[in-house]
PDB file of N, CA and C in Angstrom:
ATOM      1  N   MET A   1       3.112  41.046  -4.201  1.00  0.00           N
ATOM      2  CA  MET A   1       2.047  40.084  -4.327  1.00  0.00           C
ATOM      3  C   MET A   1       2.340  39.478  -5.249  1.00  0.00           C
ATOM      4  N   PHE A   2       2.608  39.553  -6.751  1.00  0.00           N
ATOM      5  CA  PHE A   2       3.011  38.402  -7.732  1.00  0.00           C
ATOM      6  C   PHE A   2       4.000  37.841  -7.396  1.00  0.00           C
ATOM      7  N   ARG A   3       5.068  38.302  -6.535  1.00  0.00           N
ATOM      8  CA  ARG A   3       6.248  37.312  -6.450  1.00  0.00           C
ATOM      9  C   ARG A   3       5.952  36.309  -5.374  1.00  0.00           C
ATOM     10  N   TYR A   4       5.130  36.461  -4.429  1.00  0.00           N
ATOM     11  CA  TYR A   4       4.643  35.391  -3.626  1.00  0.00           C
ATOM     12  C   TYR A   4       3.959  34.520  -4.630  1.00  0.00           C
ATOM     13  N   LEU A   5       3.109  34.724  -5.309  1.00  0.00           N
ATOM     14  CA  LEU A   5       2.140  33.838  -5.924  1.00  0.00           C
ATOM     15  C   LEU A   5       3.317  32.913  -6.998  1.00  0.00           C
ATOM     16  N   ASN A   6       4.227  33.453  -7.492  1.00  0.00           N
ATOM     17  CA  ASN A   6       5.132  33.177  -8.537  1.00  0.00           C
ATOM     18  C   ASN A   6       5.770  31.821  -7.391  1.00  0.00           C
ATOM     19  N   GLN A   7       6.276  32.514  -6.628  1.00  0.00           N
ATOM     20  CA  GLN A   7       6.756  31.529  -5.536  1.00  0.00           C
ATOM     21  C   GLN A   7       6.505  30.150  -4.937  1.00  0.00           C
ATOM     22  N   PHE A   8       4.845  30.684  -4.907  1.00  0.00           N
ATOM     23  CA  PHE A   8       4.159  29.555  -4.716  1.00  0.00           C
ATOM     24  C   PHE A   8       4.034  28.367  -5.788  1.00  0.00           C
ATOM     25  N   TRP A   9       3.615  29.074  -7.095  1.00  0.00           N
ATOM     26  CA  TRP A   9       3.554  28.282  -8.032  1.00  0.00           C
ATOM     27  C   TRP A   9       4.593  27.669  -8.449  1.00  0.00           C
ATOM     28  N   ASN A  10       5.881  28.046  -8.341  1.00  0.00           N
ATOM     29  CA  ASN A  10       6.965  26.965  -8.585  1.00  0.00           C
ATOM     30  C   ASN A  10       7.583  26.339  -7.554  1.00  0.00           C
ATOM     31  N   ASP A  11       7.139  26.190  -6.479  1.00  0.00           N
ATOM     32  CA  ASP A  11       7.279  25.379  -5.358  1.00  0.00           C
ATOM     33  C   ASP A  11       6.829  23.985  -5.732  1.00  0.00           C
ATOM     34  N   GLN A  12       7.898  23.077  -5.509  1.00  0.00           N
ATOM     35  CA  GLN A  12       7.507  21.613  -5.716  1.00  0.00           C
ATOM     36  C   GLN A  12       7.886  20.959  -4.686  1.00  0.00           C
ATOM     37  N   SER A  13       7.951  21.203  -3.458  1.00  0.00           N
ATOM     38  CA  SER A  13       8.117  20.603  -2.438  1.00  0.00           C
ATOM     39  C   SER A  13       6.743  19.579  -1.794  1.00  0.00           C
ATOM     40  N   GLY A  14       5.926  20.083  -2.250  1.00  0.00           N
ATOM     41  CA  GLY A  14       4.757  19.223  -1.670  1.00  0.00           C
ATOM     42  C   GLY A  14       4.382  18.117  -2.727  1.00  0.00           C
ATOM     43  N   ALA A  15       5.087  18.172  -4.344  1.00  0.00           N
ATOM     44  CA  ALA A  15       4.976  17.143  -4.818  1.00  0.00           C
ATOM     45  C   ALA A  15       5.537  15.656  -4.596  1.00  0.00           C
ATOM     46  N   THR A  16       6.898  16.036  -4.058  1.00  0.00           N
ATOM     47  CA  THR A  16       7.429  14.921  -3.407  1.00  0.00           C
ATOM     48  C   THR A  16       6.575  14.195  -2.562  1.00  0.00           C
ATOM     49  N   ALA A  17       6.221  14.696  -1.496  1.00  0.00           N
ATOM     50  CA  ALA A  17       5.235  14.195  -0.448  1.00  0.00           C
ATOM     51  C   ALA A  17       4.011  13.294  -1.088  1.00  0.00           C
ATOM     52  N   ILE A  18       3.621  14.014  -2.358  1.00  0.00           N
ATOM     53  CA  ILE A  18       2.574  13.345  -2.718  1.00  0.00           C
ATOM     54  C   ILE A  18       2.973  11.988  -3.487  1.00  0.00           C
ATOM     55  N   GLU A  19       4.303  12.338  -4.178  1.00  0.00           N
ATOM     56  CA  GLU A  19       4.674  11.165  -4.754  1.00  0.00           C
ATOM     57  C   GLU A  19       4.934   9.940  -3.837  1.00  0.00           C
ATOM     58  N   TYR A  20       5.662   9.998  -2.525  1.00  0.00           N
ATOM     59  CA  TYR A  20       5.925   9.421  -1.716  1.00  0.00           C
ATOM     60  C   TYR A  20       4.709   8.501  -1.212  1.00  0.00           C
ATOM     61  N   GLY A  21       3.690   9.724  -0.920  1.00  0.00           N
ATOM     62  CA  GLY A  21       2.421   8.861  -0.695  1.00  0.00           C
ATOM     63  C   GLY A  21       1.825   7.670  -1.395  1.00  0.00           C
ATOM     64  N   LEU A  22       1.894   8.013  -2.819  1.00  0.00           N
ATOM     65  CA  LEU A  22       1.306   7.343  -3.801  1.00  0.00           C
ATOM     66  C   LEU A  22       1.972   5.950  -3.665  1.00  0.00           C
ATOM     67  N   ILE A  23       3.425   6.147  -3.384  1.00  0.00           N
ATOM     68  CA  ILE A  23       4.322   5.055  -3.630  1.00  0.00           C
ATOM     69  C   ILE A  23       4.016   4.167  -2.045  1.00  0.00           C
ATOM     70  N   ALA A  24       3.832   4.661  -1.139  1.00  0.00           N
ATOM     71  CA  ALA A  24       3.294   3.880   0.029  1.00  0.00           C
ATOM     72  C   ALA A  24       2.051   3.229  -0.133  1.00  0.00           C
ATOM     73  N   ALA A  25       1.420   4.086  -0.628  1.00  0.00           N
ATOM     74  CA  ALA A  25      -0.074   3.211  -0.819  1.00  0.00           C
ATOM     75  C   ALA A  25      -0.005   2.060  -2.091  1.00  0.00           C
ATOM     76  N   GLY A  26       1.084   2.222  -2.681  1.00  0.00           N
ATOM     77  CA  GLY A  26       0.789   1.147  -3.572  1.00  0.00           C
ATOM     78  C   GLY A  26       1.631  -0.221  -3.322  1.00  0.00           C
ATOM     79  N   ILE A  27       2.685   0.123  -2.137  1.00  0.00           N
ATOM     80  CA  ILE A  27       3.253  -1.012  -1.403  1.00  0.00           C
ATOM     81  C   ILE A  27       2.461  -1.368  -0.770  1.00  0.00           C
ATOM     82  N   ALA A  28       1.182  -0.756   0.007  1.00  0.00           N
ATOM     83  CA  ALA A  28       0.513  -1.295   0.877  1.00  0.00           C
ATOM     84  C   ALA A  28      -0.530  -2.132   0.249  1.00  0.00           C
ATOM     85  N   VAL A  29      -1.019  -1.819  -0.685  1.00  0.00           N
ATOM     86  CA  VAL A  29      -1.859  -2.598  -1.505  1.00  0.00           C
ATOM     87  C   VAL A  29      -1.475  -4.179  -1.935  1.00  0.00           C
ATOM     88  N   ALA A  30      -0.073  -4.029  -2.282  1.00  0.00           N
ATOM     89  CA  ALA A  30       0.633  -5.530  -2.847  1.00  0.00           C
ATOM     90  C   ALA A  30       0.827  -5.918  -1.354  1.00  0.00           C
ATOM     91  N   ILE A  31       0.923  -5.537  -0.258  1.00  0.00           N
ATOM     92  CA  ILE A  31       1.200  -6.135   1.026  1.00  0.00           C
ATOM     93  C   ILE A  31      -0.331  -6.997   1.407  1.00  0.00           C
ATOM     94  N   ILE A  32      -1.336  -6.322   1.304  1.00  0.00           N
ATOM     95  CA  ILE A  32      -2.665  -6.742   1.490  1.00  0.00           C
ATOM     96  C   ILE A  32      -3.170  -7.479   0.702  1.00  0.00           C
ATOM     97  N   ALA A  33      -2.475  -7.589  -0.660  1.00  0.00           N
ATOM     98  CA  ALA A  33      -3.391  -8.760  -1.578  1.00  0.00           C
ATOM     99  C   ALA A  33      -2.344  -9.771  -1.447  1.00  0.00           C
ATOM    100  N   THR A  34      -0.934  -9.633  -0.852  1.00  0.00           N
ATOM    101  CA  THR A  34      -0.257 -10.923  -0.908  1.00  0.00           C
ATOM    102  C   THR A  34      -0.764 -11.970   0.630  1.00  0.00           C
ATOM    103  N   VAL A  35      -1.173 -10.651   1.605  1.00  0.00           N
ATOM    104  CA  VAL A  35      -1.220 -11.309   2.825  1.00  0.00           C
ATOM    105  C   VAL A  35      -2.576 -12.323   2.624  1.00  0.00           C
ATOM    106  N   GLN A  36      -3.816 -11.468   1.866  1.00  0.00           N
ATOM    107  CA  GLN A  36      -4.793 -12.282   1.516  1.00  0.00           C
ATOM    108  C   GLN A  36      -4.655 -13.396   1.136  1.00  0.00           C
ATOM    109  N   ALA A  37      -3.980 -13.502  -0.043  1.00  0.00           N
ATOM    110  CA  ALA A  37      -3.899 -14.909  -0.830  1.00  0.00           C
ATOM    111  C   ALA A  37      -3.045 -16.191   0.305  1.00  0.00           C
ATOM    112  N   LEU A  38      -2.078 -15.531   0.548  1.00  0.00           N
ATOM    113  CA  LEU A  38      -1.525 -16.312   1.777  1.00  0.00           C
ATOM    114  C   LEU A  38      -2.384 -16.870   2.721  1.00  0.00           C
ATOM    115  N   GLY A  39      -3.195 -15.699   3.427  1.00  0.00           N
ATOM    116  CA  GLY A  39      -3.989 -16.492   4.453  1.00  0.00           C
ATOM    117  C   GLY A  39      -4.895 -17.301   3.732  1.00  0.00           C
ATOM    118  N   THR A  40      -5.888 -17.006   2.630  1.00  0.00           N
ATOM    119  CA  THR A  40      -6.568 -18.190   1.980  1.00  0.00           C
ATOM    120  C   THR A  40      -5.972 -19.577   1.853  1.00  0.00           C
ATOM    121  N   ASN A  41      -4.648 -19.827   1.180  1.00  0.00           N
ATOM    122  CA  ASN A  41      -3.675 -20.740   1.159  1.00  0.00           C
ATOM    123  C   ASN A  41      -3.697 -21.491   2.594  1.00  0.00           C
ATOM    124  N   LEU A  42      -3.206 -20.731   3.552  1.00  0.00           N
ATOM    125  CA  LEU A  42      -2.722 -21.385   4.951  1.00  0.00           C
ATOM    126  C   LEU A  42      -3.995 -21.634   5.439  1.00  0.00           C
ATOM    127  N   ASN A  43      -5.249 -21.019   5.323  1.00  0.00           N
ATOM    128  CA  ASN A  43      -6.926 -21.467   5.802  1.00  0.00           C
ATOM    129  C   ASN A  43      -6.990 -23.025   5.127  1.00  0.00           C
ATOM    130  N   THR A  44      -6.832 -23.220   3.831  1.00  0.00           N
ATOM    131  CA  THR A  44      -7.096 -24.049   3.170  1.00  0.00           C
ATOM    132  C   THR A  44      -6.078 -25.534   4.058  1.00  0.00           C
ATOM    133  N   THR A  45      -5.081 -25.124   4.243  1.00  0.00           N
ATOM    134  CA  THR A  45      -3.762 -26.075   4.826  1.00  0.00           C
ATOM    135  C   THR A  45      -4.509 -26.397   6.087  1.00  0.00           C
ATOM    136  N   PHE A  46      -4.760 -25.816   6.633  1.00  0.00           N
ATOM    137  CA  PHE A  46      -5.218 -26.088   8.077  1.00  0.00           C
ATOM    138  C   PHE A  46      -6.591 -26.750   8.239  1.00  0.00           C
ATOM    139  N   GLN A  47      -7.468 -26.334   7.455  1.00  0.00           N
ATOM    140  CA  GLN A  47      -8.459 -27.011   7.590  1.00  0.00           C
ATOM    141  C   GLN A  47      -8.115 -28.581   6.911  1.00  0.00           C
ATOM    142  N   SER A  48      -7.352 -28.694   5.950  1.00  0.00           N
ATOM    143  CA  SER A  48      -6.820 -30.106   5.359  1.00  0.00           C
ATOM    144  C   SER A  48      -6.375 -30.915   6.560  1.00  0.00           C
ATOM    145  N   VAL A  49      -5.312 -30.331   7.281  1.00  0.00           N
ATOM    146  CA  VAL A  49      -4.587 -30.840   8.372  1.00  0.00           C
ATOM    147  C   VAL A  49      -5.857 -31.500   9.731  1.00  0.00           C
ATOM    148  N   SER A  50      -6.642 -30.562   9.571  1.00  0.00           N
ATOM    149  CA  SER A  50      -7.565 -30.710  10.777  1.00  0.00           C
ATOM    150  C   SER A  50      -8.901 -31.932  10.582  1.00  0.00           C
ATOM    151  N   THR A  51      -9.113 -31.714   9.203  1.00  0.00           N
ATOM    152  CA  THR A  51      -9.753 -32.966   8.665  1.00  0.00           C
ATOM    153  C   THR A  51      -9.217 -34.412   8.850  1.00  0.00           C
ATOM    154  N   ALA A  52      -7.662 -34.571   8.610  1.00  0.00           N
ATOM    155  CA  ALA A  52      -7.155 -35.645   8.382  1.00  0.00           C
ATOM    156  C   ALA A  52      -6.698 -35.972   9.961  1.00  0.00           C
ATOM    157  N   LEU A  53      -6.805 -35.232  10.856  1.00  0.00           N
ATOM    158  CA  LEU A  53      -6.621 -35.386  12.141  1.00  0.00           C
ATOM    159  C   LEU A  53      -7.789 -35.908  12.603  1.00  0.00           C
ATOM    160  N   LYS A  54      -9.265 -35.742  12.371  1.00  0.00           N
ATOM    161  CA  LYS A  54     -10.257 -36.080  12.852  1.00  0.00           C
ATOM    162  C   LYS A  54     -10.447 -37.559  12.600  1.00  0.00           C
TER     163      LYS A  54
END
């Protein structure tokens, strides 16, 4: 029983998956922030063009 607990304690394969998950979450946050910023700028630009055409 002690051998299995020691083996479980020393197993680091799940740590890699958690690290990849954190990296993916960080990239997703960066993408969302960029798209939001660009979306606001594009909305302002299209409103300016729409106003100028009227």
